[in-house]
Amino acid sequence: MYLVGISVLLSTAIGVFIGVTTYRTERPREIALAVTGSFLTIPSFALFILMIPIMGIGAPPVIVALTMYGLLPVVRNTITGLREVDQATVESAKGMGMGRTQRLVRIELPLAWPVIVTGVRVTALVLVGIAAVGAIVDGPGYGTFIFDGLARVGSPAAINLVVSGMLGVIVVAILFDTLLAVLGKLTTSRGIQ
């Protein structure tokens, strides 16, 4: 669970940064979406295996891979949220003397925040599922139960192990989604809820 938490935080920080720096200009925006989208086309099993020679086994390769997988929803929703901010509001802020950074921090990001939080929630759900595969590189988590069960196919314990791992993944996904939904509500201005 902590691997997913760390990866969601990293994906959010990197993804919001990429979204903020690319949303105004078409070409960089397209490149950012294409690159982060291409990460999701790499099979997780293969990426975890490819990380072994670079990072060894354990948590580090899982965190790097999960962070890569988590970027697209955050980048896409950051760009979408910022592009959907009413330009009349932005122009009003400009007319009041706010600079570009002030408008971004005080007007655009708060108005885009609900859309960004939705991207973070999607990222968390995607990463909880993918993290289970991280057990292949000795990453901790419920995937260990699933792989142990698969290794014991035919024995009475196999199904119990797989079901235990699956239920653990489902419970963690529900917990993450609930936590992020509450966090989104608490951090969204009442005027735009």
C-alpha atoms as a PDB file:
ATOM      1  CA  MET A   1       0.000   0.000   0.000  1.00  0.00           C
ATOM      2  CA  TYR A   2       2.853   2.398   0.750  1.00  0.00           C
ATOM      3  CA  LEU A   3       4.300   1.779  -2.731  1.00  0.00           C
ATOM      4  CA  VAL A   4       1.054   2.963  -4.279  1.00  0.00           C
ATOM      5  CA  GLY A   5       0.933   5.975  -1.941  1.00  0.00           C
ATOM      6  CA  ILE A   6       4.469   7.050  -2.835  1.00  0.00           C
ATOM      7  CA  SER A   7       3.824   6.462  -6.538  1.00  0.00           C
ATOM      8  CA  VAL A   8       0.560   8.438  -6.477  1.00  0.00           C
ATOM      9  CA  LEU A   9       2.351  11.360  -4.798  1.00  0.00           C
ATOM     10  CA  LEU A  10       5.187  11.253  -7.344  1.00  0.00           C
ATOM     11  CA  SER A  11       2.787  10.875 -10.289  1.00  0.00           C
ATOM     12  CA  THR A  12       0.720  13.782  -9.006  1.00  0.00           C
ATOM     13  CA  ALA A  13       3.689  16.108  -8.485  1.00  0.00           C
ATOM     14  CA  ILE A  14       5.306  15.264 -11.826  1.00  0.00           C
ATOM     15  CA  GLY A  15       1.995  15.100 -13.713  1.00  0.00           C
ATOM     16  CA  VAL A  16       0.693  18.453 -12.458  1.00  0.00           C
ATOM     17  CA  PHE A  17       4.069  20.043 -13.266  1.00  0.00           C
ATOM     18  CA  ILE A  18       3.977  18.631 -16.815  1.00  0.00           C
ATOM     19  CA  GLY A  19       0.348  19.683 -17.246  1.00  0.00           C
ATOM     20  CA  VAL A  20       0.961  23.227 -15.987  1.00  0.00           C
ATOM     21  CA  THR A  21       4.007  23.707 -18.209  1.00  0.00           C
ATOM     22  CA  THR A  22       2.379  22.363 -21.382  1.00  0.00           C
ATOM     23  CA  TYR A  23      -1.338  23.215 -21.337  1.00  0.00           C
ATOM     24  CA  ARG A  24      -1.050  26.591 -23.095  1.00  0.00           C
ATOM     25  CA  THR A  25       0.837  25.423 -26.202  1.00  0.00           C
ATOM     26  CA  GLU A  26      -0.452  22.742 -28.554  1.00  0.00           C
ATOM     27  CA  ARG A  27       2.776  20.992 -29.591  1.00  0.00           C
ATOM     28  CA  PRO A  28       4.260  20.492 -26.086  1.00  0.00           C
ATOM     29  CA  ARG A  29       0.803  19.450 -24.865  1.00  0.00           C
ATOM     30  CA  GLU A  30       0.529  16.785 -27.578  1.00  0.00           C
ATOM     31  CA  ILE A  31       4.048  15.519 -26.860  1.00  0.00           C
ATOM     32  CA  ALA A  32       3.369  15.310 -23.109  1.00  0.00           C
ATOM     33  CA  LEU A  33       0.162  13.348 -23.675  1.00  0.00           C
ATOM     34  CA  ALA A  34       1.788  11.062 -26.255  1.00  0.00           C
ATOM     35  CA  VAL A  35       4.800  10.257 -24.071  1.00  0.00           C
ATOM     36  CA  THR A  36       2.815   9.673 -20.883  1.00  0.00           C
ATOM     37  CA  GLY A  37       0.239   7.700 -22.871  1.00  0.00           C
ATOM     38  CA  SER A  38       2.952   5.494 -24.345  1.00  0.00           C
ATOM     39  CA  PHE A  39       3.965   4.401 -20.838  1.00  0.00           C
ATOM     40  CA  LEU A  40       0.592   2.693 -20.445  1.00  0.00           C
ATOM     41  CA  THR A  41       1.190   0.608 -23.580  1.00  0.00           C
ATOM     42  CA  ILE A  42       4.154  -1.167 -21.966  1.00  0.00           C
ATOM     43  CA  PRO A  43       2.971  -4.391 -20.323  1.00  0.00           C
ATOM     44  CA  SER A  44       3.536  -4.071 -16.574  1.00  0.00           C
ATOM     45  CA  PHE A  45       5.034  -7.540 -16.294  1.00  0.00           C
ATOM     46  CA  ALA A  46       7.639  -6.676 -18.952  1.00  0.00           C
ATOM     47  CA  LEU A  47       8.460  -3.276 -17.446  1.00  0.00           C
ATOM     48  CA  PHE A  48       9.002  -4.738 -13.982  1.00  0.00           C
ATOM     49  CA  ILE A  49      11.343  -7.372 -15.455  1.00  0.00           C
ATOM     50  CA  LEU A  50      13.244  -4.710 -17.456  1.00  0.00           C
ATOM     51  CA  MET A  51      13.770  -2.714 -14.251  1.00  0.00           C
ATOM     52  CA  ILE A  52      15.666  -5.553 -12.527  1.00  0.00           C
ATOM     53  CA  PRO A  53      19.059  -4.970 -14.250  1.00  0.00           C
ATOM     54  CA  ILE A  54      18.769  -1.218 -13.661  1.00  0.00           C
ATOM     55  CA  MET A  55      17.387  -1.069 -10.115  1.00  0.00           C
ATOM     56  CA  GLY A  56      17.529  -4.579  -8.711  1.00  0.00           C
ATOM     57  CA  ILE A  57      14.571  -6.153  -6.963  1.00  0.00           C
ATOM     58  CA  GLY A  58      12.263  -4.829  -4.268  1.00  0.00           C
ATOM     59  CA  ALA A  59      10.461  -1.516  -3.905  1.00  0.00           C
ATOM     60  CA  PRO A  60      12.520   0.899  -6.105  1.00  0.00           C
ATOM     61  CA  PRO A  61      11.686  -0.647  -9.502  1.00  0.00           C
ATOM     62  CA  VAL A  62       8.036  -0.929  -8.492  1.00  0.00           C
ATOM     63  CA  ILE A  63       7.863   2.747  -7.462  1.00  0.00           C
ATOM     64  CA  VAL A  64       9.507   3.935 -10.697  1.00  0.00           C
ATOM     65  CA  ALA A  65       7.253   1.772 -12.871  1.00  0.00           C
ATOM     66  CA  LEU A  66       4.095   2.748 -10.987  1.00  0.00           C
ATOM     67  CA  THR A  67       5.010   6.427 -11.208  1.00  0.00           C
ATOM     68  CA  MET A  68       5.385   6.078 -14.976  1.00  0.00           C
ATOM     69  CA  TYR A  69       2.008   4.336 -15.242  1.00  0.00           C
ATOM     70  CA  GLY A  70       0.325   6.971 -13.087  1.00  0.00           C
ATOM     71  CA  LEU A  71       1.340  10.014 -15.113  1.00  0.00           C
ATOM     72  CA  LEU A  72      -1.222   9.992 -17.943  1.00  0.00           C
ATOM     73  CA  PRO A  73      -4.436  10.483 -15.934  1.00  0.00           C
ATOM     74  CA  VAL A  74      -2.876  13.313 -13.922  1.00  0.00           C
ATOM     75  CA  VAL A  75      -1.302  15.039 -16.940  1.00  0.00           C
ATOM     76  CA  ARG A  76      -4.472  14.697 -19.031  1.00  0.00           C
ATOM     77  CA  ASN A  77      -6.764  15.950 -16.277  1.00  0.00           C
ATOM     78  CA  THR A  78      -4.448  18.824 -15.358  1.00  0.00           C
ATOM     79  CA  ILE A  79      -4.380  19.971 -18.977  1.00  0.00           C
ATOM     80  CA  THR A  80      -8.135  19.490 -19.371  1.00  0.00           C
ATOM     81  CA  GLY A  81      -8.942  21.257 -16.108  1.00  0.00           C
ATOM     82  CA  LEU A  82      -6.719  24.240 -16.873  1.00  0.00           C
ATOM     83  CA  ARG A  83      -7.999  24.563 -20.446  1.00  0.00           C
ATOM     84  CA  GLU A  84     -11.615  24.506 -19.231  1.00  0.00           C
ATOM     85  CA  VAL A  85     -11.157  27.441 -16.846  1.00  0.00           C
ATOM     86  CA  ASP A  86     -13.414  30.285 -18.002  1.00  0.00           C
ATOM     87  CA  GLN A  87     -11.190  32.730 -19.880  1.00  0.00           C
ATOM     88  CA  ALA A  88     -13.382  35.652 -18.800  1.00  0.00           C
ATOM     89  CA  THR A  89     -12.382  34.904 -15.209  1.00  0.00           C
ATOM     90  CA  VAL A  90      -8.712  34.761 -16.174  1.00  0.00           C
ATOM     91  CA  GLU A  91      -9.006  38.032 -18.113  1.00  0.00           C
ATOM     92  CA  SER A  92     -10.728  39.676 -15.138  1.00  0.00           C
ATOM     93  CA  ALA A  93      -7.824  38.647 -12.918  1.00  0.00           C
ATOM     94  CA  LYS A  94      -5.413  40.001 -15.520  1.00  0.00           C
ATOM     95  CA  GLY A  95      -7.353  43.277 -15.574  1.00  0.00           C
ATOM     96  CA  MET A  96      -7.018  43.477 -11.786  1.00  0.00           C
ATOM     97  CA  GLY A  97      -3.240  43.424 -12.193  1.00  0.00           C
ATOM     98  CA  MET A  98      -2.483  39.763 -11.470  1.00  0.00           C
ATOM     99  CA  GLY A  99       0.580  38.398 -13.210  1.00  0.00           C
ATOM    100  CA  ARG A 100       0.691  35.077 -15.030  1.00  0.00           C
ATOM    101  CA  THR A 101       1.914  33.112 -11.990  1.00  0.00           C
ATOM    102  CA  GLN A 102      -0.616  34.755  -9.678  1.00  0.00           C
ATOM    103  CA  ARG A 103      -3.443  33.919 -12.094  1.00  0.00           C
ATOM    104  CA  LEU A 104      -2.256  30.331 -12.307  1.00  0.00           C
ATOM    105  CA  VAL A 105      -1.952  29.853  -8.537  1.00  0.00           C
ATOM    106  CA  ARG A 106      -4.944  31.902  -7.368  1.00  0.00           C
ATOM    107  CA  ILE A 107      -7.456  31.420 -10.190  1.00  0.00           C
ATOM    108  CA  GLU A 108      -6.673  28.660 -12.684  1.00  0.00           C
ATOM    109  CA  LEU A 109      -5.386  25.850 -10.436  1.00  0.00           C
ATOM    110  CA  PRO A 110      -8.160  26.222  -7.831  1.00  0.00           C
ATOM    111  CA  LEU A 111     -10.810  26.172 -10.584  1.00  0.00           C
ATOM    112  CA  ALA A 112      -9.142  23.177 -12.270  1.00  0.00           C
ATOM    113  CA  TRP A 113      -8.591  21.333  -8.973  1.00  0.00           C
ATOM    114  CA  PRO A 114     -11.736  19.127  -9.048  1.00  0.00           C
ATOM    115  CA  VAL A 115     -10.735  17.810 -12.493  1.00  0.00           C
ATOM    116  CA  ILE A 116      -7.130  17.275 -11.356  1.00  0.00           C
ATOM    117  CA  VAL A 117      -8.278  15.357  -8.258  1.00  0.00           C
ATOM    118  CA  THR A 118     -10.358  13.093 -10.499  1.00  0.00           C
ATOM    119  CA  GLY A 119      -7.176  12.292 -12.438  1.00  0.00           C
ATOM    120  CA  VAL A 120      -5.361  11.516  -9.190  1.00  0.00           C
ATOM    121  CA  ARG A 121      -8.197   9.172  -8.161  1.00  0.00           C
ATOM    122  CA  VAL A 122      -7.982   7.345 -11.505  1.00  0.00           C
ATOM    123  CA  THR A 123      -4.210   7.107 -11.085  1.00  0.00           C
ATOM    124  CA  ALA A 124      -4.599   5.582  -7.616  1.00  0.00           C
ATOM    125  CA  LEU A 125      -7.045   2.939  -8.855  1.00  0.00           C
ATOM    126  CA  VAL A 126      -4.867   2.029 -11.836  1.00  0.00           C
ATOM    127  CA  LEU A 127      -1.754   1.789  -9.671  1.00  0.00           C
ATOM    128  CA  VAL A 128      -3.381  -0.410  -7.023  1.00  0.00           C
ATOM    129  CA  GLY A 129      -4.123  -2.988  -9.712  1.00  0.00           C
ATOM    130  CA  ILE A 130      -0.722  -2.750 -11.383  1.00  0.00           C
ATOM    131  CA  ALA A 131       1.123  -2.833  -8.041  1.00  0.00           C
ATOM    132  CA  ALA A 132      -0.030  -6.417  -7.526  1.00  0.00           C
ATOM    133  CA  VAL A 133       2.117  -7.418 -10.510  1.00  0.00           C
ATOM    134  CA  GLY A 134       5.102  -5.798  -8.755  1.00  0.00           C
ATOM    135  CA  ALA A 135       5.428  -8.966  -6.692  1.00  0.00           C
ATOM    136  CA  ILE A 136       7.237 -10.462  -9.691  1.00  0.00           C
ATOM    137  CA  VAL A 137      10.290  -8.315  -8.788  1.00  0.00           C
ATOM    138  CA  ASP A 138       9.914  -9.064  -5.084  1.00  0.00           C
ATOM    139  CA  GLY A 139       7.863  -5.944  -4.463  1.00  0.00           C
ATOM    140  CA  PRO A 140       5.754  -6.133  -1.317  1.00  0.00           C
ATOM    141  CA  GLY A 141       1.974  -6.238  -1.380  1.00  0.00           C
ATOM    142  CA  TYR A 142      -1.044  -8.388  -2.093  1.00  0.00           C
ATOM    143  CA  GLY A 143       0.423  -9.522  -5.401  1.00  0.00           C
ATOM    144  CA  THR A 144       2.617 -11.876  -3.387  1.00  0.00           C
ATOM    145  CA  PHE A 145      -0.472 -13.866  -2.409  1.00  0.00           C
ATOM    146  CA  ILE A 146      -1.623 -13.980  -6.027  1.00  0.00           C
ATOM    147  CA  PHE A 147       1.735 -15.191  -7.359  1.00  0.00           C
ATOM    148  CA  ASP A 148       2.082 -17.724  -4.511  1.00  0.00           C
ATOM    149  CA  GLY A 149      -1.363 -19.043  -5.389  1.00  0.00           C
ATOM    150  CA  LEU A 150      -0.480 -19.283  -9.070  1.00  0.00           C
ATOM    151  CA  ALA A 151       2.715 -21.154  -8.182  1.00  0.00           C
ATOM    152  CA  ARG A 152       0.602 -23.700  -6.279  1.00  0.00           C
ATOM    153  CA  VAL A 153      -2.044 -24.316  -8.937  1.00  0.00           C
ATOM    154  CA  GLY A 154      -3.672 -27.661  -8.242  1.00  0.00           C
ATOM    155  CA  SER A 155      -3.199 -27.521  -4.485  1.00  0.00           C
ATOM    156  CA  PRO A 156      -6.056 -26.651  -2.119  1.00  0.00           C
ATOM    157  CA  ALA A 157      -4.281 -23.475  -0.965  1.00  0.00           C
ATOM    158  CA  ALA A 158      -3.957 -22.016  -4.473  1.00  0.00           C
ATOM    159  CA  ILE A 159      -7.450 -20.587  -4.761  1.00  0.00           C
ATOM    160  CA  ASN A 160      -7.401 -19.255  -1.192  1.00  0.00           C
ATOM    161  CA  LEU A 161      -4.143 -17.399  -1.825  1.00  0.00           C
ATOM    162  CA  VAL A 162      -5.318 -15.889  -5.115  1.00  0.00           C
ATOM    163  CA  VAL A 163      -8.684 -14.836  -3.665  1.00  0.00           C
ATOM    164  CA  SER A 164      -6.955 -13.347  -0.594  1.00  0.00           C
ATOM    165  CA  GLY A 165      -4.674 -11.303  -2.837  1.00  0.00           C
ATOM    166  CA  MET A 166      -7.565 -10.158  -5.026  1.00  0.00           C
ATOM    167  CA  LEU A 167      -9.686  -9.134  -2.045  1.00  0.00           C
ATOM    168  CA  GLY A 168      -6.738  -7.254  -0.570  1.00  0.00           C
ATOM    169  CA  VAL A 169      -6.271  -5.344  -3.829  1.00  0.00           C
ATOM    170  CA  ILE A 170      -9.989  -4.495  -3.972  1.00  0.00           C
ATOM    171  CA  VAL A 171     -10.059  -3.262  -0.363  1.00  0.00           C
ATOM    172  CA  VAL A 172      -6.958  -1.109  -0.895  1.00  0.00           C
ATOM    173  CA  ALA A 173      -8.474   0.348  -4.092  1.00  0.00           C
ATOM    174  CA  ILE A 174     -11.684   1.252  -2.255  1.00  0.00           C
ATOM    175  CA  LEU A 175      -9.701   2.819   0.600  1.00  0.00           C
ATOM    176  CA  PHE A 176      -7.565   4.912  -1.757  1.00  0.00           C
ATOM    177  CA  ASP A 177     -10.583   6.076  -3.750  1.00  0.00           C
ATOM    178  CA  THR A 178     -12.530   7.004  -0.614  1.00  0.00           C
ATOM    179  CA  LEU A 179      -9.561   8.835   0.895  1.00  0.00           C
ATOM    180  CA  LEU A 180      -8.924  10.798  -2.295  1.00  0.00           C
ATOM    181  CA  ALA A 181     -12.633  11.619  -2.715  1.00  0.00           C
ATOM    182  CA  VAL A 182     -12.723  13.056   0.812  1.00  0.00           C
ATOM    183  CA  LEU A 183      -9.427  14.886   0.241  1.00  0.00           C
ATOM    184  CA  GLY A 184     -10.818  16.331  -2.994  1.00  0.00           C
ATOM    185  CA  LYS A 185     -13.927  17.591  -1.199  1.00  0.00           C
ATOM    186  CA  LEU A 186     -11.894  19.119   1.623  1.00  0.00           C
ATOM    187  CA  THR A 187      -9.478  20.893  -0.712  1.00  0.00           C
ATOM    188  CA  THR A 188     -12.022  22.209  -3.224  1.00  0.00           C
ATOM    189  CA  SER A 189     -13.380  25.695  -2.650  1.00  0.00           C
ATOM    190  CA  ARG A 190     -17.059  25.643  -1.656  1.00  0.00           C
ATOM    191  CA  GLY A 191     -17.848  28.119  -4.410  1.00  0.00           C
ATOM    192  CA  ILE A 192     -16.958  25.594  -7.131  1.00  0.00           C
ATOM    193  CA  GLN A 193     -18.213  22.355  -5.566  1.00  0.00           C
END
